[in-house]
Amino acid sequence: MTIVFEVDGQRVEFTRNGFTGRAGLLVDGEHLSLQSPWNPLTHWSLGRVRTWKATIRGRGVVIEKRRPALFAGFRPHAYRVLVDGLVVAEREGH
């Protein structure tokens, strides 16, 4: 899953590997890790919504992943990217 969006004219790329669970942001060629595959909570969660938060150029970035209630491993998840509370990107995928 890859979502590209902008924060104050700066290109930001969110990536998440559905197999390993690794999630991160790529800003100015620098990788910011949001979720490590070595953390056990990456792979096991009872909640349906997972959020990642970061600050880019002084602005709050929140990425939400909402998984389906049934057969979540086989169905697409909904992703939303918010910058300072405004939705700037939405996408479905794994």
N, C-alpha and C. Protein backbone atom coordinates (compact mmCIF):
# COMPACT_ATOMS: atom_id res chain seq x y z
N MET A 1 0.84 -1.16 0.00
CA MET A 1 0.00 0.00 0.00
C MET A 1 0.89 1.22 0.00
N THR A 2 0.66 2.10 -0.92
CA THR A 2 1.38 3.36 -1.00
C THR A 2 0.39 4.49 -1.24
N ILE A 3 0.51 5.55 -0.45
CA ILE A 3 -0.33 6.73 -0.60
C ILE A 3 0.60 7.94 -0.66
N VAL A 4 0.47 8.73 -1.71
CA VAL A 4 1.27 9.94 -1.86
C VAL A 4 0.38 11.15 -1.61
N PHE A 5 0.87 12.08 -0.80
CA PHE A 5 0.13 13.30 -0.51
C PHE A 5 1.12 14.43 -0.28
N GLU A 6 0.63 15.64 -0.07
CA GLU A 6 1.50 16.80 0.12
C GLU A 6 1.21 17.48 1.45
N VAL A 7 2.27 17.98 2.06
CA VAL A 7 2.17 18.80 3.26
C VAL A 7 2.93 20.09 2.97
N ASP A 8 2.23 21.19 2.84
CA ASP A 8 2.83 22.49 2.50
C ASP A 8 3.70 22.40 1.25
N GLY A 9 3.22 21.73 0.22
CA GLY A 9 3.95 21.61 -1.03
C GLY A 9 5.04 20.55 -1.03
N GLN A 10 5.27 19.90 0.09
CA GLN A 10 6.28 18.86 0.23
C GLN A 10 5.64 17.49 -0.05
N ARG A 11 6.23 16.72 -0.96
CA ARG A 11 5.72 15.39 -1.29
C ARG A 11 6.03 14.43 -0.14
N VAL A 12 5.01 13.73 0.33
CA VAL A 12 5.14 12.75 1.40
C VAL A 12 4.56 11.44 0.90
N GLU A 13 5.25 10.35 1.17
CA GLU A 13 4.80 9.03 0.72
C GLU A 13 4.64 8.12 1.93
N PHE A 14 3.43 7.63 2.14
CA PHE A 14 3.14 6.65 3.19
C PHE A 14 3.20 5.28 2.56
N THR A 15 3.94 4.37 3.17
CA THR A 15 3.99 2.98 2.68
C THR A 15 3.71 2.04 3.83
N ARG A 16 3.01 0.97 3.50
CA ARG A 16 2.75 -0.10 4.48
C ARG A 16 2.83 -1.43 3.77
N ASN A 17 3.60 -2.34 4.32
CA ASN A 17 3.73 -3.68 3.79
C ASN A 17 2.71 -4.55 4.52
N GLY A 18 1.71 -5.04 3.80
CA GLY A 18 0.66 -5.84 4.41
C GLY A 18 1.13 -7.18 4.93
N PHE A 19 2.24 -7.68 4.42
CA PHE A 19 2.76 -8.98 4.86
C PHE A 19 3.55 -8.84 6.16
N THR A 20 4.46 -7.87 6.23
CA THR A 20 5.29 -7.71 7.44
C THR A 20 4.67 -6.76 8.46
N GLY A 21 3.81 -5.85 8.01
CA GLY A 21 3.22 -4.87 8.91
C GLY A 21 4.02 -3.59 9.04
N ARG A 22 5.17 -3.51 8.39
CA ARG A 22 6.01 -2.30 8.48
C ARG A 22 5.27 -1.13 7.84
N ALA A 23 5.30 0.02 8.52
CA ALA A 23 4.67 1.24 8.00
C ALA A 23 5.62 2.40 8.22
N GLY A 24 5.63 3.33 7.27
CA GLY A 24 6.52 4.47 7.40
C GLY A 24 6.17 5.59 6.44
N LEU A 25 6.84 6.71 6.64
CA LEU A 25 6.69 7.88 5.78
C LEU A 25 8.04 8.19 5.15
N LEU A 26 8.00 8.61 3.90
CA LEU A 26 9.20 9.05 3.20
C LEU A 26 9.05 10.55 2.93
N VAL A 27 9.90 11.36 3.57
CA VAL A 27 9.85 12.81 3.45
C VAL A 27 11.26 13.31 3.12
N ASP A 28 11.39 14.01 2.00
CA ASP A 28 12.70 14.55 1.60
C ASP A 28 13.77 13.47 1.55
N GLY A 29 13.42 12.27 1.12
CA GLY A 29 14.38 11.18 1.03
C GLY A 29 14.71 10.54 2.37
N GLU A 30 14.09 11.02 3.44
CA GLU A 30 14.33 10.48 4.77
C GLU A 30 13.15 9.62 5.19
N HIS A 31 13.45 8.41 5.69
CA HIS A 31 12.40 7.48 6.09
C HIS A 31 12.09 7.65 7.58
N LEU A 32 10.81 7.81 7.89
CA LEU A 32 10.33 7.93 9.26
C LEU A 32 9.50 6.69 9.55
N SER A 33 9.98 5.84 10.45
CA SER A 33 9.27 4.60 10.77
C SER A 33 8.07 4.87 11.66
N LEU A 34 6.93 4.32 11.28
CA LEU A 34 5.70 4.46 12.07
C LEU A 34 5.35 3.17 12.80
N GLN A 35 5.74 2.04 12.22
CA GLN A 35 5.40 0.74 12.80
C GLN A 35 6.45 -0.29 12.41
N SER A 36 6.99 -0.95 13.40
CA SER A 36 8.04 -1.94 13.17
C SER A 36 7.46 -3.35 13.11
N PRO A 37 7.96 -4.19 12.20
CA PRO A 37 7.48 -5.57 12.16
C PRO A 37 7.94 -6.38 13.37
N TRP A 38 8.90 -5.85 14.14
CA TRP A 38 9.41 -6.58 15.31
C TRP A 38 8.56 -6.35 16.55
N ASN A 39 7.64 -5.41 16.51
CA ASN A 39 6.75 -5.15 17.64
C ASN A 39 5.57 -6.13 17.54
N PRO A 40 5.32 -6.94 18.58
CA PRO A 40 4.21 -7.92 18.53
C PRO A 40 2.84 -7.28 18.30
N LEU A 41 2.65 -6.04 18.75
CA LEU A 41 1.36 -5.38 18.56
C LEU A 41 1.12 -5.01 17.11
N THR A 42 2.14 -5.09 16.28
CA THR A 42 1.99 -4.85 14.85
C THR A 42 1.08 -5.91 14.23
N HIS A 43 1.17 -7.13 14.72
CA HIS A 43 0.48 -8.26 14.11
C HIS A 43 -0.80 -8.67 14.82
N TRP A 44 -0.99 -8.23 16.07
CA TRP A 44 -2.17 -8.63 16.83
C TRP A 44 -2.85 -7.40 17.40
N SER A 45 -4.11 -7.22 17.03
CA SER A 45 -4.87 -6.09 17.54
C SER A 45 -6.34 -6.44 17.56
N LEU A 46 -7.02 -6.09 18.62
CA LEU A 46 -8.46 -6.35 18.70
C LEU A 46 -9.28 -5.20 18.13
N GLY A 47 -8.69 -4.04 18.05
CA GLY A 47 -9.39 -2.87 17.52
C GLY A 47 -9.48 -2.92 16.00
N ARG A 48 -10.47 -2.24 15.46
CA ARG A 48 -10.65 -2.21 14.00
C ARG A 48 -9.98 -1.01 13.36
N VAL A 49 -9.61 -0.02 14.17
CA VAL A 49 -8.97 1.18 13.64
C VAL A 49 -7.58 1.32 14.24
N ARG A 50 -6.60 1.51 13.38
CA ARG A 50 -5.23 1.76 13.81
C ARG A 50 -4.83 3.13 13.31
N THR A 51 -4.19 3.92 14.16
CA THR A 51 -3.76 5.26 13.76
C THR A 51 -2.26 5.42 13.96
N TRP A 52 -1.67 6.16 13.05
CA TRP A 52 -0.26 6.54 13.16
C TRP A 52 -0.22 8.05 13.13
N LYS A 53 0.63 8.66 13.96
CA LYS A 53 0.72 10.11 14.04
C LYS A 53 2.17 10.54 13.82
N ALA A 54 2.32 11.68 13.13
CA ALA A 54 3.64 12.25 12.89
C ALA A 54 3.49 13.76 12.74
N THR A 55 4.61 14.45 12.87
CA THR A 55 4.64 15.90 12.64
C THR A 55 5.59 16.17 11.49
N ILE A 56 5.09 16.83 10.46
CA ILE A 56 5.88 17.16 9.29
C ILE A 56 5.75 18.66 9.06
N ARG A 57 6.89 19.35 9.07
CA ARG A 57 6.92 20.80 8.88
C ARG A 57 5.98 21.52 9.86
N GLY A 58 5.91 21.00 11.07
CA GLY A 58 5.09 21.62 12.10
C GLY A 58 3.60 21.35 11.98
N ARG A 59 3.22 20.49 11.07
CA ARG A 59 1.81 20.17 10.89
C ARG A 59 1.55 18.73 11.33
N GLY A 60 0.41 18.52 11.95
CA GLY A 60 0.05 17.20 12.44
C GLY A 60 -0.50 16.33 11.33
N VAL A 61 0.11 15.16 11.16
CA VAL A 61 -0.33 14.19 10.15
C VAL A 61 -0.83 12.95 10.88
N VAL A 62 -2.04 12.53 10.55
CA VAL A 62 -2.63 11.33 11.12
C VAL A 62 -3.04 10.42 9.98
N ILE A 63 -2.64 9.15 10.09
CA ILE A 63 -3.03 8.15 9.09
C ILE A 63 -3.86 7.11 9.82
N GLU A 64 -5.06 6.86 9.32
CA GLU A 64 -5.97 5.89 9.92
C GLU A 64 -6.15 4.71 8.98
N LYS A 65 -6.10 3.51 9.55
CA LYS A 65 -6.40 2.30 8.78
C LYS A 65 -7.59 1.63 9.45
N ARG A 66 -8.64 1.42 8.71
CA ARG A 66 -9.85 0.79 9.24
C ARG A 66 -10.01 -0.56 8.55
N ARG A 67 -10.02 -1.61 9.36
CA ARG A 67 -10.15 -2.95 8.78
C ARG A 67 -11.60 -3.43 8.85
N PRO A 68 -12.00 -4.29 7.91
CA PRO A 68 -13.36 -4.84 7.94
C PRO A 68 -13.55 -5.75 9.15
N ALA A 69 -14.80 -5.92 9.56
CA ALA A 69 -15.10 -6.75 10.73
C ALA A 69 -14.90 -8.24 10.44
N LEU A 70 -15.26 -8.67 9.27
CA LEU A 70 -15.17 -10.10 8.94
C LEU A 70 -14.15 -10.34 7.84
N PHE A 71 -13.36 -11.40 7.99
CA PHE A 71 -12.37 -11.82 6.99
C PHE A 71 -11.43 -10.69 6.60
N ALA A 72 -10.93 -9.98 7.61
CA ALA A 72 -10.10 -8.79 7.37
C ALA A 72 -8.85 -9.09 6.56
N GLY A 73 -8.30 -10.29 6.68
CA GLY A 73 -7.10 -10.64 5.94
C GLY A 73 -7.34 -10.81 4.45
N PHE A 74 -8.58 -10.97 4.06
CA PHE A 74 -8.91 -11.23 2.66
C PHE A 74 -9.63 -10.07 1.98
N ARG A 75 -9.94 -9.04 2.74
CA ARG A 75 -10.69 -7.91 2.19
C ARG A 75 -9.87 -6.63 2.31
N PRO A 76 -10.11 -5.66 1.42
CA PRO A 76 -9.34 -4.41 1.49
C PRO A 76 -9.65 -3.59 2.74
N HIS A 77 -8.64 -2.87 3.20
CA HIS A 77 -8.78 -1.98 4.34
C HIS A 77 -8.91 -0.55 3.83
N ALA A 78 -9.58 0.30 4.59
CA ALA A 78 -9.76 1.71 4.21
C ALA A 78 -8.72 2.56 4.92
N TYR A 79 -8.02 3.39 4.16
CA TYR A 79 -7.00 4.28 4.69
C TYR A 79 -7.43 5.73 4.48
N ARG A 80 -7.17 6.58 5.50
CA ARG A 80 -7.41 8.02 5.40
C ARG A 80 -6.18 8.75 5.91
N VAL A 81 -5.79 9.80 5.20
CA VAL A 81 -4.67 10.64 5.62
C VAL A 81 -5.25 12.02 5.96
N LEU A 82 -4.98 12.48 7.17
CA LEU A 82 -5.44 13.79 7.62
C LEU A 82 -4.23 14.67 7.94
N VAL A 83 -4.27 15.90 7.47
CA VAL A 83 -3.25 16.89 7.81
C VAL A 83 -3.96 18.02 8.54
N ASP A 84 -3.58 18.22 9.79
CA ASP A 84 -4.23 19.21 10.66
C ASP A 84 -5.75 19.01 10.69
N GLY A 85 -6.19 17.76 10.71
CA GLY A 85 -7.61 17.44 10.82
C GLY A 85 -8.39 17.42 9.52
N LEU A 86 -7.76 17.79 8.40
CA LEU A 86 -8.44 17.78 7.10
C LEU A 86 -8.01 16.56 6.30
N VAL A 87 -8.98 15.87 5.72
CA VAL A 87 -8.68 14.69 4.91
C VAL A 87 -8.04 15.12 3.60
N VAL A 88 -6.83 14.62 3.33
CA VAL A 88 -6.13 14.97 2.09
C VAL A 88 -6.02 13.78 1.14
N ALA A 89 -6.25 12.56 1.65
CA ALA A 89 -6.19 11.38 0.79
C ALA A 89 -6.97 10.24 1.42
N GLU A 90 -7.61 9.45 0.55
CA GLU A 90 -8.31 8.24 0.99
C GLU A 90 -8.02 7.15 -0.04
N ARG A 91 -7.91 5.92 0.45
CA ARG A 91 -7.62 4.82 -0.45
C ARG A 91 -7.99 3.50 0.23
N GLU A 92 -8.31 2.50 -0.60
CA GLU A 92 -8.57 1.16 -0.09
C GLU A 92 -7.53 0.21 -0.65
N GLY A 93 -7.13 -0.74 0.16
CA GLY A 93 -6.16 -1.73 -0.28
C GLY A 93 -5.63 -2.52 0.90
N HIS A 94 -4.60 -3.32 0.65
CA HIS A 94 -4.02 -4.17 1.72
C HIS A 94 -2.74 -3.63 2.22
